[in-house]
Amino acid sequence: MISAIHRTLIAKRDALKANEEKGFTLIELLVVVLIIGILAAIAVPVYLGIQDSARESAVKSDLAAVKTAIVAYIVQNDEVPDIDDLAVKIDDGNYSVTPAFALAPASATAPWRVSATASNGKFYAVTDADAPYEATDAAGATKK
C-alpha cells in the first residue's frame, strides 16, 4: 500500500515536471501593458473633460442660487444685500475668485451683476435679468 502511494506521488511529480511552461512570456506581458497604456491614454482626457464640465455646472448652479438669494433678500428687505449676508453655501474649491458684485445696484430696483472666476480660469456671471452664463471677462459684462 505504501509503495502504491509512493508510485502515485512519483507519477504526479513527473507529470508536473513535464509541464514546466507555466506563467506568461515577456512578450505577453508587454502586450498587456501596452493595451493598458492605450486605454489609459484614452480614458484620462475623457475623465478630465467630465471633471471640467462638472465644475462648470457647479459654478452655474452656485450663481443661480446667489441670484435667487439676492432677489429674495431685495423682496424681503427692500434693500441691496452684501454677498456675505446671503444664506448661500458656495464651494470655494470651484473658484479662483468667488462670486461678488461686478455691478453693484444703487437701489433695490437697479440692475446688478455678480461675476466669478472658476478654478479652470473661465469667467461666469449672472444678472437680475439673465440666467448664469459664461462671460468673456472677469466683469461678466459680455456673454461668451
Protein backbone atom coordinates (compact mmCIF):
# COMPACT_ATOMS: atom_id res chain seq x y z
CA MET A 1 0.00 0.00 0.00
CA ILE A 2 2.79 2.46 0.85
CA SER A 3 4.53 1.59 -2.40
CA ALA A 4 1.31 2.35 -4.32
CA ILE A 5 1.12 5.82 -2.72
CA HIS A 6 4.82 6.29 -3.42
CA ARG A 7 4.35 5.34 -7.10
CA THR A 8 1.39 7.72 -7.37
CA LEU A 9 3.37 10.64 -5.89
CA ILE A 10 6.31 9.96 -8.22
CA ALA A 11 3.97 9.85 -11.23
CA LYS A 12 2.39 13.14 -10.16
CA ARG A 13 5.81 14.78 -9.67
CA ASP A 14 6.98 13.61 -13.11
CA ALA A 15 3.79 14.93 -14.71
CA LEU A 16 4.31 18.34 -13.08
CA LYS A 17 7.96 18.44 -14.23
CA ALA A 18 6.96 17.64 -17.80
CA ASN A 19 4.60 20.65 -17.88
CA GLU A 20 7.10 23.40 -16.93
CA GLU A 21 5.71 26.08 -19.27
CA LYS A 22 3.57 27.89 -16.74
CA GLY A 23 3.16 31.65 -16.49
CA PHE A 24 3.33 34.41 -19.09
CA THR A 25 6.09 35.16 -21.52
CA LEU A 26 7.75 38.56 -21.63
CA ILE A 27 6.02 39.35 -24.94
CA GLU A 28 2.59 38.56 -23.48
CA LEU A 29 3.24 40.82 -20.50
CA LEU A 30 4.43 43.65 -22.78
CA VAL A 31 1.29 43.37 -24.90
CA VAL A 32 -0.91 43.59 -21.80
CA VAL A 33 1.00 46.65 -20.53
CA LEU A 34 0.70 48.27 -23.96
CA ILE A 35 -3.06 47.68 -24.06
CA ILE A 36 -3.48 49.13 -20.57
CA GLY A 37 -1.42 52.17 -21.61
CA ILE A 38 -3.60 52.77 -24.68
CA LEU A 39 -6.78 52.51 -22.60
CA ALA A 40 -5.37 54.94 -20.03
CA ALA A 41 -4.40 57.40 -22.78
CA ILE A 42 -8.00 57.35 -23.99
CA ALA A 43 -9.65 57.45 -20.56
CA VAL A 44 -7.66 60.24 -18.85
CA PRO A 45 -8.63 63.09 -21.25
CA VAL A 46 -12.26 61.98 -21.15
CA TYR A 47 -12.18 62.00 -17.36
CA LEU A 48 -10.61 65.47 -17.27
CA GLY A 49 -13.28 66.77 -19.65
CA ILE A 50 -16.04 65.36 -17.48
CA GLN A 51 -14.42 66.87 -14.40
CA ASP A 52 -14.21 70.29 -16.09
CA SER A 53 -17.86 70.22 -17.20
CA ALA A 54 -18.92 69.19 -13.68
CA ARG A 55 -17.02 72.18 -12.27
CA GLU A 56 -18.74 74.49 -14.78
CA SER A 57 -22.14 73.10 -13.80
CA ALA A 58 -21.36 73.62 -10.11
CA VAL A 59 -20.34 77.25 -10.71
CA LYS A 60 -23.50 77.95 -12.72
CA SER A 61 -25.60 76.29 -10.03
CA ASP A 62 -23.93 78.40 -7.34
CA LEU A 63 -24.59 81.57 -9.32
CA ALA A 64 -28.23 80.61 -9.81
CA ALA A 65 -28.52 80.15 -6.04
CA VAL A 66 -26.87 83.55 -5.50
CA LYS A 67 -29.35 85.14 -7.91
CA THR A 68 -32.29 83.57 -6.09
CA ALA A 69 -30.91 84.69 -2.72
CA ILE A 70 -30.34 88.27 -3.93
CA VAL A 71 -33.85 88.55 -5.35
CA ALA A 72 -35.35 87.08 -2.17
CA TYR A 73 -33.32 89.48 0.00
CA ILE A 74 -34.37 92.50 -2.07
CA VAL A 75 -38.04 91.48 -1.95
CA GLN A 76 -37.94 90.80 1.77
CA ASN A 77 -35.85 93.80 2.92
CA ASP A 78 -36.30 96.31 0.08
CA GLU A 79 -32.55 96.93 0.06
CA VAL A 80 -29.46 95.58 -1.65
CA PRO A 81 -27.61 92.83 0.23
CA ASP A 82 -23.92 92.26 0.63
CA ILE A 83 -22.86 88.93 -0.86
CA ASP A 84 -21.69 87.87 2.61
CA ASP A 85 -25.21 88.46 4.01
CA LEU A 86 -26.74 85.84 1.73
CA ALA A 87 -27.52 82.41 3.10
CA VAL A 88 -25.87 80.61 0.18
CA LYS A 89 -23.28 77.86 0.59
CA ILE A 90 -20.57 78.16 -2.06
CA ASP A 91 -17.85 75.55 -2.55
CA ASP A 92 -14.68 77.68 -2.64
CA GLY A 93 -12.75 74.82 -4.31
CA ASN A 94 -14.50 75.61 -7.61
CA TYR A 95 -13.33 79.23 -7.71
CA SER A 96 -10.17 81.22 -8.08
CA VAL A 97 -12.30 84.36 -7.47
CA THR A 98 -15.52 83.78 -5.53
CA PRO A 99 -18.81 85.39 -6.60
CA ALA A 100 -19.00 89.12 -5.96
CA PHE A 101 -20.91 92.09 -7.33
CA ALA A 102 -19.30 93.23 -10.57
CA LEU A 103 -22.07 95.78 -10.95
CA ALA A 104 -23.47 96.67 -7.54
CA PRO A 105 -27.02 98.00 -7.63
CA ALA A 106 -27.52 101.59 -6.47
CA SER A 107 -31.04 100.77 -5.28
CA ALA A 108 -33.32 97.78 -4.84
CA THR A 109 -34.72 98.28 -8.35
CA ALA A 110 -31.44 98.97 -10.16
CA PRO A 111 -29.80 96.31 -12.35
CA TRP A 112 -26.97 94.27 -10.87
CA ARG A 113 -24.41 91.67 -11.97
CA VAL A 114 -22.50 89.08 -9.96
CA SER A 115 -19.40 87.54 -11.51
CA ALA A 116 -16.98 84.80 -10.52
CA THR A 117 -13.88 83.14 -11.92
CA ALA A 118 -13.87 79.37 -11.85
CA SER A 119 -10.75 77.45 -10.87
CA ASN A 120 -10.33 76.45 -14.52
CA GLY A 121 -9.90 80.16 -15.40
CA LYS A 122 -13.28 80.66 -17.09
CA PHE A 123 -15.47 83.64 -16.18
CA TYR A 124 -19.13 83.31 -15.23
CA ALA A 125 -21.79 85.87 -14.37
CA VAL A 126 -25.46 86.24 -13.53
CA THR A 127 -27.61 89.35 -13.71
CA ASP A 128 -31.01 90.41 -12.50
CA ALA A 129 -32.32 89.64 -16.00
CA ASP A 130 -30.14 86.70 -17.13
CA ALA A 131 -29.52 83.16 -16.01
CA PRO A 132 -25.90 82.20 -15.21
CA TYR A 133 -23.72 82.40 -18.32
CA GLU A 134 -20.09 82.11 -19.36
CA ALA A 135 -18.57 85.55 -19.77
CA THR A 136 -15.64 86.88 -21.77
CA ASP A 137 -14.04 88.75 -18.87
CA ALA A 138 -13.96 88.94 -15.09
CA ALA A 139 -16.54 91.75 -15.03
CA GLY A 140 -19.04 89.46 -16.78
CA ALA A 141 -20.31 92.26 -19.00
CA THR A 142 -20.38 90.20 -22.20
CA LYS A 143 -21.65 86.69 -22.81
CA LYS A 144 -19.29 84.30 -24.48
